[in-house]
Amino acid sequence: QLPAIIKNQVFVDEQTITTERTTNEPIILSHPESINVTTNSEVEFSCVAIATEIIFFVNETSASDLIVVEKRFVQLSIDEVNDTTLRRSLTATALTQYDNTEVYCLALIVVSPTEIKSIPSD
């Protein structure tokens, strides 16, 4: 179970980000950014979050969905930055038909049923 307060320092793109939170809600530290590249070049979008899972979306469809995968978007495996922080990337080939494609990530904290504690009612 995640602690009630997490103080975290993360080195992201040449800067240190310090965060503190008092709930078990995910925090996205670094969102995917808009990229201008030449056609047919490889692009990489990155997301860093205090979470247990990071999922990318392409135009509101999960990057793991077959429709997105067939367009050669590849959601890479998750890397652990530290005990509470994850980084995940999404790669794609830049094609003109993908101009103005929206890419974003969703951070989740997945809790197993054994970690859920019931609160007695008064």
C-alpha atoms as a PDB file:
ATOM      1  CA  GLN A   1       0.000   0.000   0.000  1.00  0.00           C
ATOM      2  CA  LEU A   2       1.292   3.467  -0.825  1.00  0.00           C
ATOM      3  CA  PRO A   3       2.065   5.697   2.150  1.00  0.00           C
ATOM      4  CA  ALA A   4      -0.284   8.514   3.089  1.00  0.00           C
ATOM      5  CA  ILE A   5       2.381  11.123   2.291  1.00  0.00           C
ATOM      6  CA  ILE A   6       4.888  10.734  -0.503  1.00  0.00           C
ATOM      7  CA  LYS A   7       7.766  13.158  -0.910  1.00  0.00           C
ATOM      8  CA  ASN A   8       9.447  12.546  -4.185  1.00  0.00           C
ATOM      9  CA  GLN A   9      12.312  14.054  -6.154  1.00  0.00           C
ATOM     10  CA  VAL A  10      12.528  13.148  -9.799  1.00  0.00           C
ATOM     11  CA  PHE A  11      15.114  14.194 -12.370  1.00  0.00           C
ATOM     12  CA  VAL A  12      13.237  14.908 -15.592  1.00  0.00           C
ATOM     13  CA  ASP A  13      14.777  16.609 -18.634  1.00  0.00           C
ATOM     14  CA  GLU A  14      17.600  18.392 -16.773  1.00  0.00           C
ATOM     15  CA  GLN A  15      15.460  19.617 -13.878  1.00  0.00           C
ATOM     16  CA  THR A  16      14.568  18.252 -10.492  1.00  0.00           C
ATOM     17  CA  ILE A  17      10.883  18.119  -9.640  1.00  0.00           C
ATOM     18  CA  THR A  18       9.878  17.730  -6.012  1.00  0.00           C
ATOM     19  CA  THR A  19       6.340  16.684  -5.248  1.00  0.00           C
ATOM     20  CA  GLU A  20       4.395  15.931  -2.123  1.00  0.00           C
ATOM     21  CA  ARG A  21       0.970  14.430  -1.920  1.00  0.00           C
ATOM     22  CA  THR A  22      -1.280  13.277   0.860  1.00  0.00           C
ATOM     23  CA  THR A  23      -3.608  10.980  -1.029  1.00  0.00           C
ATOM     24  CA  ASN A  24      -3.167   7.907  -3.174  1.00  0.00           C
ATOM     25  CA  GLU A  25      -3.971   9.764  -6.371  1.00  0.00           C
ATOM     26  CA  PRO A  26      -1.606   9.592  -9.356  1.00  0.00           C
ATOM     27  CA  ILE A  27       0.383  12.675 -10.356  1.00  0.00           C
ATOM     28  CA  ILE A  28       1.653  13.235 -13.896  1.00  0.00           C
ATOM     29  CA  LEU A  29       5.038  14.968 -13.693  1.00  0.00           C
ATOM     30  CA  SER A  30       5.757  15.170 -17.416  1.00  0.00           C
ATOM     31  CA  HIS A  31       3.126  15.092 -20.186  1.00  0.00           C
ATOM     32  CA  PRO A  32       3.744  14.182 -23.833  1.00  0.00           C
ATOM     33  CA  GLU A  33       4.603  17.328 -25.794  1.00  0.00           C
ATOM     34  CA  SER A  34       3.723  18.440 -29.302  1.00  0.00           C
ATOM     35  CA  ILE A  35       6.474  17.575 -31.763  1.00  0.00           C
ATOM     36  CA  ASN A  36       7.219  18.964 -35.231  1.00  0.00           C
ATOM     37  CA  VAL A  37       9.288  16.517 -37.284  1.00  0.00           C
ATOM     38  CA  THR A  38       9.952  15.575 -40.880  1.00  0.00           C
ATOM     39  CA  THR A  39       7.793  12.967 -42.581  1.00  0.00           C
ATOM     40  CA  ASN A  40       8.843   9.334 -42.064  1.00  0.00           C
ATOM     41  CA  SER A  41      10.994  10.132 -39.029  1.00  0.00           C
ATOM     42  CA  GLU A  42      10.587   8.274 -35.751  1.00  0.00           C
ATOM     43  CA  VAL A  43       8.949  10.261 -32.935  1.00  0.00           C
ATOM     44  CA  GLU A  44       8.816   9.470 -29.246  1.00  0.00           C
ATOM     45  CA  PHE A  45       6.343  10.790 -26.705  1.00  0.00           C
ATOM     46  CA  SER A  46       7.155  10.409 -23.021  1.00  0.00           C
ATOM     47  CA  CYS A  47       5.128  10.479 -19.820  1.00  0.00           C
ATOM     48  CA  VAL A  48       6.480  10.472 -16.249  1.00  0.00           C
ATOM     49  CA  ALA A  49       4.119   9.940 -13.316  1.00  0.00           C
ATOM     50  CA  ILE A  50       3.827   8.946  -9.689  1.00  0.00           C
ATOM     51  CA  ALA A  51       1.624   5.950 -10.379  1.00  0.00           C
ATOM     52  CA  THR A  52       1.489   2.202 -10.753  1.00  0.00           C
ATOM     53  CA  GLU A  53       0.370   2.280 -14.407  1.00  0.00           C
ATOM     54  CA  ILE A  54       0.711   4.659 -17.372  1.00  0.00           C
ATOM     55  CA  ILE A  55      -1.469   4.285 -20.456  1.00  0.00           C
ATOM     56  CA  PHE A  56      -1.155   6.317 -23.666  1.00  0.00           C
ATOM     57  CA  PHE A  57      -4.094   7.411 -25.789  1.00  0.00           C
ATOM     58  CA  VAL A  58      -4.040   8.419 -29.454  1.00  0.00           C
ATOM     59  CA  ASN A  59      -7.063  10.495 -30.458  1.00  0.00           C
ATOM     60  CA  GLU A  60      -8.989   9.190 -27.417  1.00  0.00           C
ATOM     61  CA  THR A  61      -8.243   5.523 -28.215  1.00  0.00           C
ATOM     62  CA  SER A  62      -5.952   3.442 -26.016  1.00  0.00           C
ATOM     63  CA  ALA A  63      -2.530   2.926 -27.597  1.00  0.00           C
ATOM     64  CA  SER A  64      -2.913  -0.804 -26.938  1.00  0.00           C
ATOM     65  CA  ASP A  65      -6.051  -0.922 -29.113  1.00  0.00           C
ATOM     66  CA  LEU A  66      -5.550  -2.777 -32.409  1.00  0.00           C
ATOM     67  CA  ILE A  67      -6.673   0.268 -34.437  1.00  0.00           C
ATOM     68  CA  VAL A  68      -3.806   2.326 -32.971  1.00  0.00           C
ATOM     69  CA  VAL A  69      -1.262  -0.502 -33.131  1.00  0.00           C
ATOM     70  CA  GLU A  70      -2.021  -1.023 -36.845  1.00  0.00           C
ATOM     71  CA  LYS A  71      -1.081   2.643 -37.408  1.00  0.00           C
ATOM     72  CA  ARG A  72       2.401   1.736 -36.064  1.00  0.00           C
ATOM     73  CA  PHE A  73       2.071   3.476 -32.711  1.00  0.00           C
ATOM     74  CA  VAL A  74       4.051   1.429 -30.170  1.00  0.00           C
ATOM     75  CA  GLN A  75       3.534   1.806 -26.441  1.00  0.00           C
ATOM     76  CA  LEU A  76       6.844   0.797 -24.849  1.00  0.00           C
ATOM     77  CA  SER A  77       7.297  -0.976 -21.541  1.00  0.00           C
ATOM     78  CA  ILE A  78       7.225   0.989 -18.302  1.00  0.00           C
ATOM     79  CA  ASP A  79      10.529   1.982 -16.687  1.00  0.00           C
ATOM     80  CA  GLU A  80      10.824   2.605 -12.952  1.00  0.00           C
ATOM     81  CA  VAL A  81      12.484   5.954 -12.175  1.00  0.00           C
ATOM     82  CA  ASN A  82      12.285   5.192  -8.443  1.00  0.00           C
ATOM     83  CA  ASP A  83       9.966   3.397  -5.981  1.00  0.00           C
ATOM     84  CA  THR A  84       6.905   5.523  -6.815  1.00  0.00           C
ATOM     85  CA  THR A  85       7.673   7.091 -10.193  1.00  0.00           C
ATOM     86  CA  LEU A  86       7.298   5.539 -13.624  1.00  0.00           C
ATOM     87  CA  ARG A  87       8.236   6.589 -17.162  1.00  0.00           C
ATOM     88  CA  ARG A  88       6.630   5.270 -20.332  1.00  0.00           C
ATOM     89  CA  SER A  89       7.122   6.167 -23.973  1.00  0.00           C
ATOM     90  CA  LEU A  90       5.052   5.887 -27.131  1.00  0.00           C
ATOM     91  CA  THR A  91       6.796   5.765 -30.498  1.00  0.00           C
ATOM     92  CA  ALA A  92       5.424   6.278 -33.995  1.00  0.00           C
ATOM     93  CA  THR A  93       6.488   7.030 -37.534  1.00  0.00           C
ATOM     94  CA  ALA A  94       5.604  10.585 -38.509  1.00  0.00           C
ATOM     95  CA  LEU A  95       3.261  10.459 -41.494  1.00  0.00           C
ATOM     96  CA  THR A  96       1.252  13.318 -42.989  1.00  0.00           C
ATOM     97  CA  GLN A  97      -2.049  11.577 -42.177  1.00  0.00           C
ATOM     98  CA  TYR A  98      -1.111  11.849 -38.483  1.00  0.00           C
ATOM     99  CA  ASP A  99      -0.903  15.665 -38.516  1.00  0.00           C
ATOM    100  CA  ASN A 100      -2.871  17.074 -35.562  1.00  0.00           C
ATOM    101  CA  THR A 101      -3.041  13.685 -33.851  1.00  0.00           C
ATOM    102  CA  GLU A 102      -3.698  14.070 -30.133  1.00  0.00           C
ATOM    103  CA  VAL A 103      -1.434  12.016 -27.844  1.00  0.00           C
ATOM    104  CA  TYR A 104      -1.847  12.021 -24.085  1.00  0.00           C
ATOM    105  CA  CYS A 105      -1.230   9.741 -21.140  1.00  0.00           C
ATOM    106  CA  LEU A 106      -3.321   8.574 -18.225  1.00  0.00           C
ATOM    107  CA  ALA A 107      -1.674   7.710 -14.892  1.00  0.00           C
ATOM    108  CA  LEU A 108      -3.336   5.243 -12.540  1.00  0.00           C
ATOM    109  CA  ILE A 109      -2.694   3.803  -9.125  1.00  0.00           C
ATOM    110  CA  VAL A 110      -3.876   0.220  -9.250  1.00  0.00           C
ATOM    111  CA  VAL A 111      -4.619  -1.286  -5.842  1.00  0.00           C
ATOM    112  CA  SER A 112      -4.968  -5.011  -5.361  1.00  0.00           C
ATOM    113  CA  PRO A 113      -8.074  -6.223  -3.463  1.00  0.00           C
ATOM    114  CA  THR A 114      -5.863  -7.272  -0.536  1.00  0.00           C
ATOM    115  CA  GLU A 115      -4.683  -3.658  -0.121  1.00  0.00           C
ATOM    116  CA  ILE A 116      -8.225  -2.277   0.205  1.00  0.00           C
ATOM    117  CA  LYS A 117      -9.122  -1.777   3.828  1.00  0.00           C
ATOM    118  CA  SER A 118     -12.696  -1.396   4.974  1.00  0.00           C
ATOM    119  CA  ILE A 119     -13.554   1.520   7.199  1.00  0.00           C
ATOM    120  CA  PRO A 120     -15.952   0.598   9.996  1.00  0.00           C
ATOM    121  CA  SER A 121     -19.065   2.717  10.135  1.00  0.00           C
ATOM    122  CA  ASP A 122     -19.991   4.460  13.351  1.00  0.00           C
END
